[in-house]
Amino acid sequence: MTRQKPRANVWSYGGGTQSVAIAALIIQGRLPKPDYAVIADTGMEKQSTWDYMDNVTNPALKSIGLEIVRVKRSEWETGRSKGEAGGCFAAKGDIMIPVFTTENGATGKLRGFCSSAWKKEVVSRWLSKTHGVTESKMRKWLGFSTDEPRRFVKHIDSEEVYLPLIAGVPHSRNQCVTTVKSMGWPTPPRSNCWMCPNQKTDEWLETKLNRPEEFEKAVELERRVRAIDPHAWFHGQCVPLDQVDWNSTTPDKVRACDSGECFL
């Protein structure tokens, strides 16, 4: 009887607190080193994510012979999206990002398909083409913490997914913060795209005030998207980003991206 080869362990690094805690646990020897560590570069990730990875996480990991590889969408995209408006539209014309829409006269929210097309498919293609690691040959590491049962429960018994903060060294988000601090590292930034409609008003405002160049890129991208679909909006007020009322007390109707699920 032929023994099946073990799956390659592929850590999907997201850049946020849980991912950075996993890096710390690997360096401390409390988690094993994965075979591959990857992050998909959509071309729209906030610069703060790359600054932290380049200045903190990767130098520390390189000291133990591990490096997070930045896999660029621009080089490995599979062709599901077309070039106009930054690739925000699928080849068949549907919008791929989770915009707000007023097409039916009331405000709605569309599902996003960008994570699958810009992240999962990009990384999977890179692994297959450069290392011969196909979906059936990998075990994906996802950084769900113990306080996120809605996200991790369906993966508990999966052979394809490993949950290092659940099955390896159980950590809540607060424990992740403590582990990161124990390394003497600064607090990780929230990892997300500068144009993501799933941002809350305070996140948009923080970008506008502290990274105005990224906010202006989002404003311009929204204009390009709306030139194709005039009912699409990046903010729930359904006005152009540069006309949002930042003092509004209306609750945000957004759902944070399940960044740990981007590689599923």
Protein backbone atom coordinates (compact mmCIF):
# COMPACT_ATOMS: atom_id res chain seq x y z
CA MET A 1 0.00 0.00 0.00
CA THR A 2 1.42 3.38 -1.10
CA ARG A 3 1.56 5.97 1.65
CA GLN A 4 0.14 9.35 0.70
CA LYS A 5 2.68 12.17 0.83
CA PRO A 6 1.98 14.74 3.56
CA ARG A 7 0.43 18.00 2.46
CA ALA A 8 2.63 21.09 2.22
CA ASN A 9 1.93 23.57 5.01
CA VAL A 10 1.12 26.95 3.45
CA TRP A 11 0.68 29.85 5.85
CA SER A 12 -1.61 32.58 4.54
CA TYR A 13 -0.15 35.70 6.16
CA GLY A 14 -2.69 38.52 6.29
CA GLY A 15 -0.65 41.25 7.95
CA GLY A 16 -2.95 41.83 10.94
CA THR A 17 -2.64 41.07 14.64
CA GLN A 18 -3.38 37.34 14.44
CA SER A 19 -0.92 36.80 11.59
CA VAL A 20 1.82 38.70 13.40
CA ALA A 21 1.17 36.66 16.54
CA ILE A 22 1.61 33.47 14.49
CA ALA A 23 4.96 34.83 13.30
CA ALA A 24 5.97 35.42 16.91
CA LEU A 25 4.92 31.91 17.96
CA ILE A 26 6.94 30.38 15.10
CA ILE A 27 10.02 32.36 16.13
CA GLN A 28 9.51 31.32 19.77
CA GLY A 29 9.40 27.68 18.66
CA ARG A 30 5.85 27.22 19.92
CA LEU A 31 4.59 26.60 16.40
CA PRO A 32 6.47 24.68 13.69
CA LYS A 33 7.81 26.43 10.62
CA PRO A 34 5.44 26.09 7.65
CA ASP A 35 6.79 25.06 4.27
CA TYR A 36 5.63 28.30 2.66
CA ALA A 37 4.52 31.69 3.96
CA VAL A 38 2.67 33.86 1.45
CA ILE A 39 0.69 37.06 1.17
CA ALA A 40 -1.22 38.15 -1.92
CA ASP A 41 -0.44 41.65 -3.14
CA THR A 42 -3.67 42.97 -4.68
CA GLY A 43 -2.01 46.24 -5.66
CA MET A 44 -4.43 48.00 -3.30
CA GLU A 45 -3.23 46.98 0.16
CA LYS A 46 -2.53 49.84 2.55
CA GLN A 47 1.16 50.72 2.64
CA SER A 48 1.19 50.30 6.43
CA THR A 49 0.81 46.53 5.93
CA TRP A 50 3.93 46.35 3.76
CA ASP A 51 5.90 48.68 6.04
CA TYR A 52 5.23 46.43 9.04
CA MET A 53 5.99 43.24 7.15
CA ASP A 54 9.20 44.61 5.64
CA ASN A 55 10.46 46.27 8.83
CA VAL A 56 9.27 43.91 11.56
CA THR A 57 7.84 40.53 10.60
CA ASN A 58 10.03 39.44 7.71
CA PRO A 59 13.40 40.42 9.23
CA ALA A 60 12.49 38.45 12.36
CA LEU A 61 11.35 35.42 10.38
CA LYS A 62 14.41 35.48 8.13
CA SER A 63 16.54 34.97 11.25
CA ILE A 64 15.05 31.46 11.50
CA GLY A 65 15.13 30.73 7.76
CA LEU A 66 11.56 31.68 6.84
CA GLU A 67 10.33 34.48 4.60
CA ILE A 68 6.85 35.71 3.72
CA VAL A 69 6.65 35.85 -0.07
CA ARG A 70 4.68 38.72 -1.59
CA VAL A 71 2.78 37.25 -4.54
CA LYS A 72 1.69 40.01 -6.90
CA ARG A 73 -1.75 39.94 -8.45
CA SER A 74 -0.36 41.84 -11.44
CA GLU A 75 1.90 38.88 -12.23
CA TRP A 76 -0.29 35.93 -11.28
CA GLU A 77 -3.89 36.98 -11.88
CA THR A 78 -5.92 34.31 -13.63
CA GLY A 79 -7.94 36.62 -15.90
CA ARG A 80 -11.27 36.65 -14.09
CA SER A 81 -11.26 40.44 -13.92
CA LYS A 82 -10.74 42.89 -16.75
CA GLY A 83 -8.43 45.85 -16.77
CA GLU A 84 -10.83 48.78 -16.59
CA ALA A 85 -11.37 50.53 -13.26
CA GLY A 86 -8.43 48.78 -11.66
CA GLY A 87 -9.81 45.33 -12.39
CA CYS A 88 -12.89 45.96 -10.21
CA PHE A 89 -15.14 44.38 -12.83
CA ALA A 90 -15.25 40.74 -13.87
CA ALA A 91 -14.68 39.85 -17.50
CA LYS A 92 -18.43 39.26 -17.88
CA GLY A 93 -19.19 42.73 -16.51
CA ASP A 94 -20.20 42.12 -12.88
CA ILE A 95 -18.57 44.30 -10.26
CA MET A 96 -16.19 42.31 -8.06
CA ILE A 97 -15.84 44.51 -4.98
CA PRO A 98 -18.49 44.77 -2.20
CA VAL A 99 -19.86 48.18 -3.12
CA PHE A 100 -23.05 49.80 -1.91
CA THR A 101 -25.66 50.09 -4.65
CA THR A 102 -28.72 52.26 -5.26
CA GLU A 103 -29.72 50.50 -8.46
CA ASN A 104 -33.15 49.46 -7.15
CA GLY A 105 -33.97 52.77 -5.50
CA ALA A 106 -32.88 51.68 -2.01
CA THR A 107 -29.42 51.24 -0.57
CA GLY A 108 -28.11 47.70 -0.87
CA LYS A 109 -24.75 46.01 -0.37
CA LEU A 110 -23.21 43.64 -2.90
CA ARG A 111 -21.08 40.65 -2.08
CA GLY A 112 -17.43 40.88 -3.00
CA PHE A 113 -15.60 38.41 -5.21
CA CYS A 114 -12.28 40.28 -5.08
CA SER A 115 -10.77 38.12 -2.33
CA SER A 116 -11.19 34.97 -4.39
CA ALA A 117 -9.98 36.45 -7.67
CA TRP A 118 -7.25 38.71 -6.29
CA LYS A 119 -5.95 36.56 -3.45
CA LYS A 120 -6.95 32.91 -3.39
CA GLU A 121 -6.58 32.28 -7.12
CA VAL A 122 -3.41 34.37 -7.35
CA VAL A 123 -1.62 32.51 -4.54
CA SER A 124 -2.89 29.11 -5.69
CA ARG A 125 -1.61 29.74 -9.20
CA TRP A 126 1.79 30.87 -7.90
CA LEU A 127 2.12 27.79 -5.70
CA SER A 128 1.13 25.47 -8.53
CA LYS A 129 3.32 27.06 -11.21
CA THR A 130 6.43 27.70 -9.14
CA HIS A 131 6.40 24.85 -6.61
CA GLY A 132 4.03 22.23 -8.00
CA VAL A 133 1.82 22.59 -4.92
CA THR A 134 -1.79 22.24 -6.02
CA GLU A 135 -4.91 22.51 -3.87
CA SER A 136 -4.92 18.76 -3.17
CA LYS A 137 -1.30 18.92 -1.97
CA MET A 138 -1.52 21.74 0.54
CA ARG A 139 -2.73 22.39 4.05
CA LYS A 140 -3.59 26.06 4.52
CA TRP A 141 -2.77 27.85 7.75
CA LEU A 142 -5.43 30.41 8.68
CA GLY A 143 -5.15 32.85 11.56
CA PHE A 144 -8.52 32.59 13.26
CA SER A 145 -8.35 33.14 17.02
CA THR A 146 -10.36 31.46 19.77
CA ASP A 147 -12.81 34.37 20.05
CA GLU A 148 -13.93 33.85 16.42
CA PRO A 149 -15.97 30.62 16.53
CA ARG A 150 -18.19 31.70 13.63
CA ARG A 151 -15.14 31.76 11.41
CA PHE A 152 -13.23 28.70 12.55
CA VAL A 153 -15.87 26.13 13.51
CA LYS A 154 -16.40 24.80 9.99
CA HIS A 155 -12.66 24.09 9.64
CA ILE A 156 -12.09 22.23 12.91
CA ASP A 157 -12.02 18.75 11.36
CA SER A 158 -10.64 19.72 7.95
CA GLU A 159 -7.54 18.01 6.54
CA GLU A 160 -7.06 20.92 4.15
CA VAL A 161 -6.95 23.67 6.81
CA TYR A 162 -4.81 24.10 9.92
CA LEU A 163 -5.74 26.61 12.61
CA PRO A 164 -2.52 27.44 14.51
CA LEU A 165 -4.28 29.73 17.00
CA ILE A 166 -6.92 27.07 17.71
CA ALA A 167 -5.30 23.65 17.34
CA GLY A 168 -1.68 24.71 17.79
CA VAL A 169 -1.25 27.34 20.52
CA PRO A 170 -4.76 28.54 21.42
CA HIS A 171 -4.92 32.33 21.42
CA SER A 172 -7.68 34.91 21.66
CA ARG A 173 -7.15 38.23 19.92
CA ASN A 174 -6.14 39.79 23.25
CA GLN A 175 -3.61 37.02 23.78
CA CYS A 176 -2.30 37.69 20.27
CA VAL A 177 -1.70 41.31 21.25
CA THR A 178 0.16 40.16 24.37
CA THR A 179 2.32 37.76 22.37
CA VAL A 180 3.21 40.46 19.85
CA LYS A 181 4.11 42.89 22.65
CA SER A 182 6.27 40.22 24.30
CA MET A 183 8.48 40.37 21.20
CA GLY A 184 8.95 44.12 21.64
CA TRP A 185 7.17 44.70 18.34
CA PRO A 186 4.83 47.63 17.66
CA THR A 187 1.08 47.11 17.35
CA PRO A 188 0.31 45.72 13.86
CA PRO A 189 -1.86 47.87 11.58
CA ARG A 190 -5.25 46.63 10.44
CA SER A 191 -4.72 44.89 7.13
CA ASN A 192 -7.11 45.89 4.37
CA CYS A 193 -7.26 47.54 0.96
CA TRP A 194 -7.37 51.33 0.82
CA MET A 195 -10.43 51.22 -1.45
CA CYS A 196 -12.46 48.55 0.37
CA PRO A 197 -16.16 49.44 0.81
CA ASN A 198 -16.19 47.26 3.94
CA GLN A 199 -14.37 49.98 5.87
CA LYS A 200 -16.19 51.86 8.60
CA THR A 201 -16.46 55.65 8.55
CA ASP A 202 -13.73 56.07 11.17
CA GLU A 203 -11.40 53.91 9.09
CA TRP A 204 -12.05 56.00 5.98
CA LEU A 205 -11.45 59.16 8.00
CA GLU A 206 -8.22 57.79 9.47
CA THR A 207 -6.97 57.13 5.95
CA LYS A 208 -8.06 60.57 4.77
CA LEU A 209 -6.24 62.29 7.64
CA ASN A 210 -3.11 60.16 7.92
CA ARG A 211 -2.61 58.74 4.41
CA PRO A 212 -4.21 61.31 2.10
CA GLU A 213 -2.50 59.86 -0.97
CA GLU A 214 -4.29 56.53 -0.44
CA PHE A 215 -7.60 58.30 0.18
CA GLU A 216 -7.21 60.23 -3.08
CA LYS A 217 -6.51 56.99 -4.94
CA ALA A 218 -9.76 55.61 -3.52
CA VAL A 219 -11.64 58.74 -4.59
CA GLU A 220 -10.29 58.42 -8.12
CA LEU A 221 -10.98 54.68 -8.31
CA GLU A 222 -14.58 55.24 -7.19
CA ARG A 223 -14.97 57.79 -10.00
CA ARG A 224 -13.72 55.23 -12.50
CA VAL A 225 -16.05 52.54 -11.13
CA ARG A 226 -19.02 54.90 -11.17
CA ALA A 227 -18.29 55.87 -14.76
CA ILE A 228 -19.18 52.25 -15.56
CA ASP A 229 -21.82 51.67 -12.86
CA PRO A 230 -23.32 54.97 -11.65
CA HIS A 231 -25.23 53.17 -8.90
CA ALA A 232 -22.04 51.96 -7.17
CA TRP A 233 -20.65 53.67 -4.07
CA PHE A 234 -17.70 52.98 -1.77
CA HIS A 235 -19.39 54.44 1.34
CA GLY A 236 -22.81 53.68 2.79
CA GLN A 237 -23.92 57.30 2.56
CA CYS A 238 -24.04 56.71 -1.20
CA VAL A 239 -22.29 59.94 -2.05
CA PRO A 240 -18.81 60.33 -3.56
CA LEU A 241 -16.06 59.64 -1.03
CA ASP A 242 -14.90 63.24 -1.07
CA GLN A 243 -18.42 64.36 -0.11
CA VAL A 244 -18.98 62.01 2.85
CA ASP A 245 -20.30 63.65 6.04
CA TRP A 246 -17.61 62.56 8.48
CA ASN A 247 -19.62 63.86 11.46
CA SER A 248 -22.68 61.73 10.74
CA THR A 249 -23.89 59.56 13.63
CA THR A 250 -25.66 57.06 11.36
CA PRO A 251 -24.36 53.55 12.12
CA ASP A 252 -22.16 51.96 9.46
CA LYS A 253 -23.71 49.09 7.55
CA VAL A 254 -20.57 47.16 6.76
CA ARG A 255 -19.11 43.79 7.57
CA ALA A 256 -15.40 43.59 8.12
CA CYS A 257 -13.58 41.49 5.55
CA ASP A 258 -12.87 37.96 6.73
CA SER A 259 -9.23 38.39 5.82
CA GLY A 260 -8.32 34.98 7.17
CA GLU A 261 -10.72 33.45 4.68
CA CYS A 262 -9.20 35.13 1.65
CA PHE A 263 -7.15 32.05 0.89
CA LEU A 264 -9.98 29.52 1.13
